[in-house]
């Protein structure tokens, strides 16, 4: 669910809220515990798809900026959410990137790398 929220190119405040709550409600762990966020899996997925990685990093920056304005949680939870995002970014950065990722990174944002939600809903 975390990756579903983070892949949204034009992410909105509702998704910020969802990501923050997911991070606060679930510890980092492995695939063996379905109540934990499998950080290795997240890192591996993003190490193979530069566009996905790019959007996730941009969204993490937006979420970090938004966190201080999130009114439903206190300052301790805000700090905890930011810390978990920082930890996850570190795990993602440490993961060895694939050749596919490297080739896409060289192209960068010159060409559209994401699907618009409207396109996906229409089956395009």
N, C-alpha and C. Protein backbone atom coordinates (compact mmCIF):
# COMPACT_ATOMS: atom_id res chain seq x y z
N UNK A 1 0.82 -1.18 0.00
CA UNK A 1 0.00 0.00 0.00
C UNK A 1 0.87 1.26 0.00
N UNK A 2 2.00 1.21 0.70
CA UNK A 2 2.89 2.37 0.74
C UNK A 2 3.37 2.74 -0.66
N UNK A 3 3.80 1.75 -1.43
CA UNK A 3 4.26 2.03 -2.78
C UNK A 3 3.13 2.54 -3.68
N UNK A 4 1.92 2.06 -3.46
CA UNK A 4 0.78 2.55 -4.24
C UNK A 4 0.59 4.05 -4.02
N UNK A 5 0.71 4.48 -2.80
CA UNK A 5 0.55 5.91 -2.50
C UNK A 5 1.71 6.73 -3.02
N UNK A 6 2.91 6.20 -2.91
CA UNK A 6 4.11 6.95 -3.29
C UNK A 6 4.33 7.02 -4.79
N UNK A 7 3.69 6.14 -5.57
CA UNK A 7 3.91 6.16 -7.01
C UNK A 7 3.11 7.24 -7.72
N UNK A 8 2.21 7.88 -7.03
CA UNK A 8 1.35 8.88 -7.65
C UNK A 8 2.19 10.09 -8.03
N UNK A 9 2.22 10.38 -9.33
CA UNK A 9 3.06 11.49 -9.81
C UNK A 9 2.54 12.83 -9.29
N UNK A 10 1.26 13.07 -9.42
CA UNK A 10 0.66 14.33 -8.94
C UNK A 10 0.00 14.07 -7.59
N UNK A 11 0.82 13.80 -6.62
CA UNK A 11 0.34 13.42 -5.28
C UNK A 11 -0.39 14.60 -4.62
N UNK A 12 -1.41 14.28 -3.84
CA UNK A 12 -2.20 15.31 -3.17
C UNK A 12 -2.16 15.10 -1.66
N UNK A 13 -2.71 16.07 -0.94
CA UNK A 13 -2.64 16.06 0.52
C UNK A 13 -3.22 14.79 1.14
N UNK A 14 -4.31 14.27 0.60
CA UNK A 14 -4.89 13.05 1.15
C UNK A 14 -3.86 11.92 1.15
N UNK A 15 -3.07 11.83 0.07
CA UNK A 15 -2.04 10.80 -0.01
C UNK A 15 -0.92 11.05 0.99
N UNK A 16 -0.59 12.32 1.24
CA UNK A 16 0.40 12.66 2.28
C UNK A 16 -0.07 12.08 3.61
N UNK A 17 -1.34 12.35 3.94
CA UNK A 17 -1.91 11.86 5.19
C UNK A 17 -1.80 10.34 5.28
N UNK A 18 -2.18 9.67 4.19
CA UNK A 18 -2.16 8.21 4.17
C UNK A 18 -0.75 7.66 4.40
N UNK A 19 0.24 8.26 3.73
CA UNK A 19 1.63 7.80 3.88
C UNK A 19 2.10 8.01 5.31
N UNK A 20 1.82 9.15 5.88
CA UNK A 20 2.24 9.43 7.24
C UNK A 20 1.63 8.43 8.21
N UNK A 21 0.34 8.18 8.07
CA UNK A 21 -0.33 7.23 8.96
C UNK A 21 0.23 5.82 8.77
N UNK A 22 0.46 5.40 7.52
CA UNK A 22 1.06 4.09 7.27
C UNK A 22 2.41 3.95 7.97
N UNK A 23 3.22 4.99 7.85
CA UNK A 23 4.55 4.93 8.47
C UNK A 23 4.47 4.90 9.99
N UNK A 24 3.52 5.61 10.55
CA UNK A 24 3.39 5.62 12.00
C UNK A 24 2.79 4.33 12.56
N UNK A 25 1.94 3.70 11.78
CA UNK A 25 1.23 2.51 12.26
C UNK A 25 1.96 1.19 12.01
N UNK A 26 3.00 1.24 11.17
CA UNK A 26 3.68 -0.01 10.81
C UNK A 26 5.18 0.15 10.97
N UNK A 27 5.77 -0.83 11.60
CA UNK A 27 7.23 -0.87 11.77
C UNK A 27 7.88 -1.35 10.48
N UNK A 28 9.16 -1.10 10.35
CA UNK A 28 9.93 -1.64 9.24
C UNK A 28 10.30 -3.08 9.56
N UNK A 29 10.27 -3.92 8.54
CA UNK A 29 10.60 -5.31 8.76
C UNK A 29 10.79 -6.03 7.45
N UNK A 30 10.25 -7.23 7.38
CA UNK A 30 10.42 -8.06 6.19
C UNK A 30 9.08 -8.62 5.74
N UNK A 31 9.13 -9.36 4.64
CA UNK A 31 7.92 -9.94 4.08
C UNK A 31 7.30 -11.00 4.99
N UNK A 32 8.04 -11.44 5.97
CA UNK A 32 7.55 -12.48 6.86
C UNK A 32 6.43 -11.99 7.77
N UNK A 33 6.36 -10.70 8.01
CA UNK A 33 5.32 -10.13 8.86
C UNK A 33 4.53 -9.13 8.03
N UNK A 34 3.31 -9.49 7.70
CA UNK A 34 2.48 -8.66 6.82
C UNK A 34 2.07 -7.34 7.46
N UNK A 35 2.30 -7.18 8.75
CA UNK A 35 1.98 -5.93 9.43
C UNK A 35 3.16 -4.96 9.40
N UNK A 36 4.28 -5.38 8.83
CA UNK A 36 5.46 -4.54 8.74
C UNK A 36 5.69 -4.09 7.31
N UNK A 37 6.37 -2.96 7.16
CA UNK A 37 6.76 -2.48 5.84
C UNK A 37 8.05 -3.17 5.45
N UNK A 38 8.00 -3.91 4.37
CA UNK A 38 9.16 -4.68 3.90
C UNK A 38 10.10 -3.73 3.16
N UNK A 39 11.05 -3.17 3.89
CA UNK A 39 11.95 -2.16 3.34
C UNK A 39 12.85 -2.72 2.25
N UNK A 40 13.23 -3.97 2.35
CA UNK A 40 14.07 -4.60 1.32
C UNK A 40 13.30 -4.67 0.01
N UNK A 41 12.05 -5.07 0.08
CA UNK A 41 11.21 -5.14 -1.11
C UNK A 41 11.05 -3.75 -1.74
N UNK A 42 10.75 -2.76 -0.92
CA UNK A 42 10.60 -1.39 -1.42
C UNK A 42 11.87 -0.95 -2.13
N UNK A 43 13.00 -1.18 -1.51
CA UNK A 43 14.29 -0.78 -2.09
C UNK A 43 14.56 -1.52 -3.40
N UNK A 44 14.25 -2.79 -3.45
CA UNK A 44 14.49 -3.57 -4.67
C UNK A 44 13.60 -3.11 -5.83
N UNK A 45 12.35 -2.85 -5.53
CA UNK A 45 11.44 -2.37 -6.58
C UNK A 45 11.95 -1.06 -7.15
N UNK A 46 12.36 -0.14 -6.28
CA UNK A 46 12.80 1.18 -6.74
C UNK A 46 14.18 1.13 -7.38
N UNK A 47 14.99 0.13 -7.05
CA UNK A 47 16.32 -0.02 -7.65
C UNK A 47 16.24 -0.52 -9.08
N UNK A 48 15.05 -0.95 -9.51
CA UNK A 48 14.87 -1.46 -10.86
C UNK A 48 14.08 -0.50 -11.75
N UNK A 49 13.51 0.55 -11.16
CA UNK A 49 12.63 1.45 -11.92
C UNK A 49 12.94 2.89 -11.55
N UNK A 50 13.75 3.55 -12.38
CA UNK A 50 14.19 4.91 -12.08
C UNK A 50 13.01 5.89 -11.97
N UNK A 51 12.03 5.78 -12.85
CA UNK A 51 10.89 6.70 -12.81
C UNK A 51 10.12 6.59 -11.51
N UNK A 52 9.90 5.36 -11.08
CA UNK A 52 9.22 5.10 -9.81
C UNK A 52 10.06 5.68 -8.66
N UNK A 53 11.34 5.39 -8.69
CA UNK A 53 12.29 5.91 -7.70
C UNK A 53 12.24 7.43 -7.65
N UNK A 54 12.25 8.06 -8.82
CA UNK A 54 12.23 9.52 -8.92
C UNK A 54 10.97 10.10 -8.28
N UNK A 55 9.82 9.53 -8.62
CA UNK A 55 8.57 10.02 -8.06
C UNK A 55 8.50 9.79 -6.55
N UNK A 56 8.96 8.64 -6.10
CA UNK A 56 8.94 8.35 -4.66
C UNK A 56 9.80 9.36 -3.91
N UNK A 57 10.99 9.64 -4.42
CA UNK A 57 11.86 10.62 -3.75
C UNK A 57 11.24 12.01 -3.73
N UNK A 58 10.65 12.43 -4.85
CA UNK A 58 9.98 13.73 -4.88
C UNK A 58 8.81 13.76 -3.91
N UNK A 59 8.07 12.67 -3.86
CA UNK A 59 6.92 12.61 -2.95
C UNK A 59 7.37 12.60 -1.49
N UNK A 60 8.45 11.91 -1.19
CA UNK A 60 8.97 11.95 0.18
C UNK A 60 9.34 13.38 0.58
N UNK A 61 9.94 14.13 -0.32
CA UNK A 61 10.28 15.53 -0.02
C UNK A 61 9.02 16.34 0.27
N UNK A 62 7.99 16.15 -0.54
CA UNK A 62 6.73 16.87 -0.35
C UNK A 62 6.09 16.48 0.99
N UNK A 63 6.14 15.19 1.30
CA UNK A 63 5.53 14.71 2.55
C UNK A 63 6.28 15.26 3.75
N UNK A 64 7.60 15.27 3.69
CA UNK A 64 8.39 15.84 4.79
C UNK A 64 8.01 17.30 5.00
N UNK A 65 7.90 18.06 3.91
CA UNK A 65 7.50 19.47 4.02
C UNK A 65 6.10 19.62 4.60
N UNK A 66 5.21 18.71 4.24
CA UNK A 66 3.83 18.77 4.70
C UNK A 66 3.66 18.34 6.15
N UNK A 67 4.52 17.49 6.63
CA UNK A 67 4.34 16.85 7.94
C UNK A 67 4.11 17.85 9.06
N UNK A 68 4.82 18.96 9.07
CA UNK A 68 4.64 19.95 10.13
C UNK A 68 3.23 20.54 10.14
N UNK A 69 2.56 20.53 9.01
CA UNK A 69 1.20 21.08 8.92
C UNK A 69 0.11 20.03 9.16
N UNK A 70 0.51 18.78 9.33
CA UNK A 70 -0.47 17.71 9.53
C UNK A 70 -1.07 17.86 10.92
N UNK A 71 -2.32 18.21 10.98
CA UNK A 71 -2.96 18.60 12.24
C UNK A 71 -3.44 17.43 13.11
N UNK A 72 -3.50 16.24 12.56
CA UNK A 72 -4.06 15.11 13.30
C UNK A 72 -3.05 14.41 14.21
N UNK A 73 -1.79 14.83 14.16
CA UNK A 73 -0.77 14.19 14.99
C UNK A 73 0.04 15.25 15.73
N UNK A 74 0.65 14.82 16.83
CA UNK A 74 1.46 15.72 17.63
C UNK A 74 2.89 15.81 17.12
N UNK A 75 3.68 16.62 17.78
CA UNK A 75 5.05 16.86 17.34
C UNK A 75 5.91 15.61 17.41
N UNK A 76 5.69 14.75 18.41
CA UNK A 76 6.46 13.50 18.49
C UNK A 76 6.20 12.61 17.28
N UNK A 77 4.93 12.49 16.90
CA UNK A 77 4.58 11.68 15.74
C UNK A 77 5.12 12.29 14.45
N UNK A 78 5.10 13.61 14.37
CA UNK A 78 5.64 14.29 13.18
C UNK A 78 7.13 13.98 13.05
N UNK A 79 7.84 14.06 14.14
CA UNK A 79 9.27 13.75 14.12
C UNK A 79 9.51 12.28 13.78
N UNK A 80 8.69 11.41 14.33
CA UNK A 80 8.82 9.98 14.05
C UNK A 80 8.58 9.71 12.56
N UNK A 81 7.57 10.33 11.98
CA UNK A 81 7.28 10.13 10.56
C UNK A 81 8.45 10.61 9.70
N UNK A 82 8.99 11.77 10.02
CA UNK A 82 10.13 12.30 9.26
C UNK A 82 11.34 11.38 9.40
N UNK A 83 11.57 10.86 10.59
CA UNK A 83 12.70 9.96 10.82
C UNK A 83 12.54 8.67 10.02
N UNK A 84 11.32 8.13 9.99
CA UNK A 84 11.09 6.90 9.23
C UNK A 84 11.28 7.14 7.73
N UNK A 85 10.85 8.29 7.25
CA UNK A 85 11.08 8.63 5.84
C UNK A 85 12.57 8.70 5.57
N UNK A 86 13.32 9.35 6.45
CA UNK A 86 14.77 9.45 6.28
C UNK A 86 15.43 8.07 6.29
N UNK A 87 14.99 7.21 7.18
CA UNK A 87 15.53 5.85 7.24
C UNK A 87 15.24 5.10 5.94
N UNK A 88 14.01 5.22 5.47
CA UNK A 88 13.63 4.52 4.25
C UNK A 88 14.40 5.06 3.04
N UNK A 89 14.59 6.35 2.96
CA UNK A 89 15.38 6.93 1.88
C UNK A 89 16.80 6.35 1.92
N UNK A 90 17.38 6.24 3.10
CA UNK A 90 18.71 5.66 3.24
C UNK A 90 18.77 4.23 2.76
N UNK A 91 17.77 3.44 3.10
CA UNK A 91 17.71 2.04 2.67
C UNK A 91 17.59 1.97 1.15
N UNK A 92 16.76 2.83 0.58
CA UNK A 92 16.57 2.85 -0.87
C UNK A 92 17.87 3.25 -1.57
N UNK A 93 18.55 4.24 -1.05
CA UNK A 93 19.80 4.71 -1.67
C UNK A 93 20.89 3.66 -1.61
N UNK A 94 20.92 2.85 -0.57
CA UNK A 94 21.96 1.83 -0.41
C UNK A 94 21.76 0.64 -1.35
N UNK A 95 20.55 0.44 -1.83
CA UNK A 95 20.26 -0.71 -2.69
C UNK A 95 20.96 -0.54 -4.04
N UNK A 96 21.62 -1.62 -4.51
CA UNK A 96 22.30 -1.62 -5.80
C UNK A 96 21.27 -1.42 -6.92
N UNK A 97 21.49 -0.44 -7.78
CA UNK A 97 20.58 -0.14 -8.88
C UNK A 97 20.89 -1.07 -10.07
N UNK A 98 19.84 -1.39 -10.82
CA UNK A 98 19.99 -2.29 -11.97
C UNK A 98 20.44 -1.50 -13.20
N UNK A 99 20.85 -2.22 -14.22
CA UNK A 99 21.21 -1.59 -15.48
C UNK A 99 20.04 -0.84 -16.08
N UNK A 100 18.87 -1.41 -15.97
CA UNK A 100 17.65 -0.74 -16.46
C UNK A 100 17.47 0.60 -15.76
N UNK A 101 17.66 0.62 -14.44
CA UNK A 101 17.55 1.85 -13.67
C UNK A 101 18.58 2.87 -14.17
N UNK A 102 19.83 2.42 -14.35
CA UNK A 102 20.91 3.31 -14.78
C UNK A 102 20.60 3.93 -16.15
N UNK A 103 20.10 3.12 -17.08
CA UNK A 103 19.77 3.63 -18.42
C UNK A 103 18.65 4.66 -18.35
N UNK A 104 17.64 4.38 -17.56
CA UNK A 104 16.52 5.32 -17.41
C UNK A 104 16.97 6.60 -16.71
N UNK A 105 17.86 6.47 -15.75
CA UNK A 105 18.36 7.65 -15.03
C UNK A 105 19.11 8.58 -15.98
N UNK A 106 19.82 8.01 -16.95
CA UNK A 106 20.54 8.84 -17.93
C UNK A 106 19.57 9.64 -18.78
N UNK A 107 18.42 9.05 -19.12
CA UNK A 107 17.39 9.75 -19.90
C UNK A 107 16.71 10.81 -19.04
N UNK A 108 16.54 10.48 -17.75
CA UNK A 108 15.93 11.42 -16.82
C UNK A 108 14.52 11.82 -17.19
N UNK A 109 14.25 13.10 -17.05
CA UNK A 109 12.89 13.60 -17.25
C UNK A 109 12.68 14.20 -18.64
N UNK A 110 13.58 13.89 -19.56
CA UNK A 110 13.44 14.41 -20.93
C UNK A 110 12.17 13.91 -21.59
N UNK A 111 11.80 12.67 -21.25
CA UNK A 111 10.56 12.08 -21.76
C UNK A 111 9.70 11.72 -20.55
N UNK A 112 8.39 11.73 -20.76
CA UNK A 112 7.49 11.40 -19.65
C UNK A 112 7.75 9.97 -19.19
N UNK A 113 7.97 9.78 -17.91
CA UNK A 113 8.31 8.48 -17.33
C UNK A 113 7.16 7.88 -16.53
N UNK A 114 6.08 8.58 -16.42
CA UNK A 114 4.96 8.15 -15.58
C UNK A 114 3.69 8.08 -16.41
N UNK A 115 2.70 7.36 -15.89
CA UNK A 115 1.38 7.31 -16.50
C UNK A 115 0.46 8.23 -15.73
N UNK A 116 -0.31 9.02 -16.46
CA UNK A 116 -1.32 9.84 -15.80
C UNK A 116 -2.41 8.92 -15.26
N UNK A 117 -2.97 9.27 -14.14
CA UNK A 117 -4.02 8.44 -13.54
C UNK A 117 -5.17 8.29 -14.51
N UNK A 118 -5.54 9.34 -15.21
CA UNK A 118 -6.62 9.28 -16.18
C UNK A 118 -6.33 8.27 -17.28
N UNK A 119 -5.08 8.22 -17.75
CA UNK A 119 -4.69 7.25 -18.77
C UNK A 119 -4.84 5.84 -18.25
N UNK A 120 -4.45 5.61 -17.02
CA UNK A 120 -4.52 4.27 -16.44
C UNK A 120 -5.96 3.83 -16.28
N UNK A 121 -6.85 4.76 -15.89
CA UNK A 121 -8.24 4.41 -15.70
C UNK A 121 -8.93 4.06 -17.02
N UNK A 122 -8.43 4.65 -18.10
CA UNK A 122 -9.01 4.38 -19.41
C UNK A 122 -8.37 3.18 -20.07
N UNK A 123 -7.38 2.58 -19.42
CA UNK A 123 -6.73 1.40 -19.96
C UNK A 123 -5.68 1.72 -21.01
N UNK A 124 -5.21 2.96 -21.05
CA UNK A 124 -4.21 3.37 -22.04
C UNK A 124 -2.85 2.94 -21.59
